[in-house]
Amino acid sequence: SDSVLVLSYLILMESHLQETEQLEEDRFFPCSLKRLESVLGMGRGVQNKVFTDLQKRKIVTLSRRGMPASRFVRINHENILAQINRTYGSGCTRKVK
């Protein structure tokens, strides 16, 4: 699904930013409409639907920052694991640094 594809990409982005010590202290990172459109080929409408879904499931939190305002994302790894555990059992654990 589109949500899984976007979430996978967001996790890769977050991991790269963390490894290169560019991740914000509050764990938010920029993820522009143009970036997802160019990398994943998803237009504004699809992105809005995906982020609405991910926010409803409490998997991501969005923030608008800067001038002009840009979209920033924070991934809630604990909620991802909780949803996996509810679906597949409680064998999955991971501590977020």
C-alpha atoms as a PDB file:
ATOM      1  CA  SER A   1       0.000   0.000   0.000  1.00  0.00           C
ATOM      2  CA  ASP A   2       1.006   3.631  -0.372  1.00  0.00           C
ATOM      3  CA  SER A   3       1.196   4.061   3.413  1.00  0.00           C
ATOM      4  CA  VAL A   4       3.686   1.211   3.769  1.00  0.00           C
ATOM      5  CA  LEU A   5       5.813   2.591   0.936  1.00  0.00           C
ATOM      6  CA  VAL A   6       5.900   6.096   2.442  1.00  0.00           C
ATOM      7  CA  LEU A   7       6.586   4.780   5.944  1.00  0.00           C
ATOM      8  CA  SER A   8       9.463   2.638   4.643  1.00  0.00           C
ATOM      9  CA  TYR A   9      10.957   5.659   2.914  1.00  0.00           C
ATOM     10  CA  LEU A  10      10.508   7.819   6.028  1.00  0.00           C
ATOM     11  CA  ILE A  11      12.292   5.220   8.167  1.00  0.00           C
ATOM     12  CA  LEU A  12      15.203   5.183   5.693  1.00  0.00           C
ATOM     13  CA  MET A  13      15.349   8.994   5.744  1.00  0.00           C
ATOM     14  CA  GLU A  14      15.289   9.081   9.541  1.00  0.00           C
ATOM     15  CA  SER A  15      17.991   6.414   9.771  1.00  0.00           C
ATOM     16  CA  HIS A  16      20.255   8.289   7.362  1.00  0.00           C
ATOM     17  CA  LEU A  17      19.772  11.587   9.220  1.00  0.00           C
ATOM     18  CA  GLN A  18      20.476   9.886  12.545  1.00  0.00           C
ATOM     19  CA  GLU A  19      23.650   8.209  11.218  1.00  0.00           C
ATOM     20  CA  THR A  20      24.920  11.517   9.838  1.00  0.00           C
ATOM     21  CA  GLU A  21      23.932  13.348  13.042  1.00  0.00           C
ATOM     22  CA  GLN A  22      21.493  15.618  11.183  1.00  0.00           C
ATOM     23  CA  LEU A  23      18.318  14.486  12.956  1.00  0.00           C
ATOM     24  CA  GLU A  24      16.662  17.240  15.004  1.00  0.00           C
ATOM     25  CA  GLU A  25      16.852  16.846  18.778  1.00  0.00           C
ATOM     26  CA  ASP A  26      13.069  16.302  18.920  1.00  0.00           C
ATOM     27  CA  ARG A  27      13.438  13.626  16.172  1.00  0.00           C
ATOM     28  CA  PHE A  28      11.480  15.633  13.566  1.00  0.00           C
ATOM     29  CA  PHE A  29      12.945  15.781  10.067  1.00  0.00           C
ATOM     30  CA  PRO A  30      11.951  17.557   6.849  1.00  0.00           C
ATOM     31  CA  CYS A  31       9.955  15.663   4.235  1.00  0.00           C
ATOM     32  CA  SER A  32       8.708  17.943   1.499  1.00  0.00           C
ATOM     33  CA  LEU A  33       5.878  17.296  -0.904  1.00  0.00           C
ATOM     34  CA  LYS A  34       8.318  17.727  -3.801  1.00  0.00           C
ATOM     35  CA  ARG A  35      10.753  15.182  -2.373  1.00  0.00           C
ATOM     36  CA  LEU A  36       8.145  12.421  -2.037  1.00  0.00           C
ATOM     37  CA  GLU A  37       6.749  13.311  -5.422  1.00  0.00           C
ATOM     38  CA  SER A  38      10.146  12.996  -7.117  1.00  0.00           C
ATOM     39  CA  VAL A  39      11.339   9.897  -5.213  1.00  0.00           C
ATOM     40  CA  LEU A  40       8.090   7.926  -4.929  1.00  0.00           C
ATOM     41  CA  GLY A  41       6.013   9.492  -7.705  1.00  0.00           C
ATOM     42  CA  MET A  42       3.167  10.412  -5.349  1.00  0.00           C
ATOM     43  CA  GLY A  43       1.191  13.582  -5.926  1.00  0.00           C
ATOM     44  CA  ARG A  44      -0.281  15.894  -3.306  1.00  0.00           C
ATOM     45  CA  GLY A  45      -3.609  14.037  -3.061  1.00  0.00           C
ATOM     46  CA  VAL A  46      -2.031  10.637  -2.453  1.00  0.00           C
ATOM     47  CA  GLN A  47       0.418  12.115   0.062  1.00  0.00           C
ATOM     48  CA  ASN A  48      -2.405  13.836   1.955  1.00  0.00           C
ATOM     49  CA  LYS A  49      -4.316  10.542   2.125  1.00  0.00           C
ATOM     50  CA  VAL A  50      -1.219   8.630   3.282  1.00  0.00           C
ATOM     51  CA  PHE A  51      -0.266  11.139   5.985  1.00  0.00           C
ATOM     52  CA  THR A  52      -3.878  11.311   7.210  1.00  0.00           C
ATOM     53  CA  ASP A  53      -3.840   7.514   7.549  1.00  0.00           C
ATOM     54  CA  LEU A  54      -0.447   7.428   9.307  1.00  0.00           C
ATOM     55  CA  GLN A  55      -1.509  10.208  11.708  1.00  0.00           C
ATOM     56  CA  LYS A  56      -4.822   8.509  12.554  1.00  0.00           C
ATOM     57  CA  ARG A  57      -2.886   5.360  13.410  1.00  0.00           C
ATOM     58  CA  LYS A  58      -0.479   7.496  15.490  1.00  0.00           C
ATOM     59  CA  ILE A  59       2.490   6.255  13.469  1.00  0.00           C
ATOM     60  CA  VAL A  60       3.711   9.724  12.511  1.00  0.00           C
ATOM     61  CA  THR A  61       3.355  13.247  13.845  1.00  0.00           C
ATOM     62  CA  LEU A  62       3.505  16.176  11.435  1.00  0.00           C
ATOM     63  CA  SER A  63       4.721  19.686  12.121  1.00  0.00           C
ATOM     64  CA  ARG A  64       4.943  22.796   9.906  1.00  0.00           C
ATOM     65  CA  ARG A  65       8.188  24.701  10.436  1.00  0.00           C
ATOM     66  CA  GLY A  66      10.115  27.599   8.968  1.00  0.00           C
ATOM     67  CA  MET A  67       9.295  30.373   6.538  1.00  0.00           C
ATOM     68  CA  PRO A  68       7.942  29.415   4.138  1.00  0.00           C
ATOM     69  CA  ALA A  69       6.500  26.553   6.144  1.00  0.00           C
ATOM     70  CA  SER A  70       7.770  23.058   5.366  1.00  0.00           C
ATOM     71  CA  ARG A  71       6.451  19.669   6.451  1.00  0.00           C
ATOM     72  CA  PHE A  72       8.437  17.934   9.195  1.00  0.00           C
ATOM     73  CA  VAL A  73       7.771  14.356  10.289  1.00  0.00           C
ATOM     74  CA  ARG A  74       8.449  12.378  13.463  1.00  0.00           C
ATOM     75  CA  ILE A  75       8.029   8.597  13.443  1.00  0.00           C
ATOM     76  CA  ASN A  76       6.529   6.904  16.490  1.00  0.00           C
ATOM     77  CA  HIS A  77       8.408   3.592  16.518  1.00  0.00           C
ATOM     78  CA  GLU A  78       6.676   2.413  19.695  1.00  0.00           C
ATOM     79  CA  ASN A  79       3.263   2.634  18.008  1.00  0.00           C
ATOM     80  CA  ILE A  80       4.556   0.802  14.942  1.00  0.00           C
ATOM     81  CA  LEU A  81       5.787  -2.044  17.163  1.00  0.00           C
ATOM     82  CA  ALA A  82       2.541  -2.036  19.152  1.00  0.00           C
ATOM     83  CA  GLN A  83       0.531  -2.437  15.944  1.00  0.00           C
ATOM     84  CA  ILE A  84       2.825  -5.220  14.724  1.00  0.00           C
ATOM     85  CA  ASN A  85       2.532  -6.979  18.091  1.00  0.00           C
ATOM     86  CA  ARG A  86      -1.269  -6.704  18.046  1.00  0.00           C
ATOM     87  CA  THR A  87      -1.300  -8.227  14.573  1.00  0.00           C
ATOM     88  CA  TYR A  88       1.444 -10.853  14.792  1.00  0.00           C
ATOM     89  CA  GLY A  89       2.120 -11.423  18.492  1.00  0.00           C
ATOM     90  CA  SER A  90       4.430  -9.857  21.047  1.00  0.00           C
ATOM     91  CA  GLY A  91       7.785 -11.128  19.756  1.00  0.00           C
ATOM     92  CA  CYS A  92       8.881  -7.780  18.279  1.00  0.00           C
ATOM     93  CA  THR A  93      10.822  -5.366  20.460  1.00  0.00           C
ATOM     94  CA  ARG A  94      13.130  -2.465  19.685  1.00  0.00           C
ATOM     95  CA  LYS A  95      14.434   0.374  21.782  1.00  0.00           C
ATOM     96  CA  VAL A  96      14.613   3.771  20.118  1.00  0.00           C
ATOM     97  CA  LYS A  97      17.775   5.693  21.002  1.00  0.00           C
END
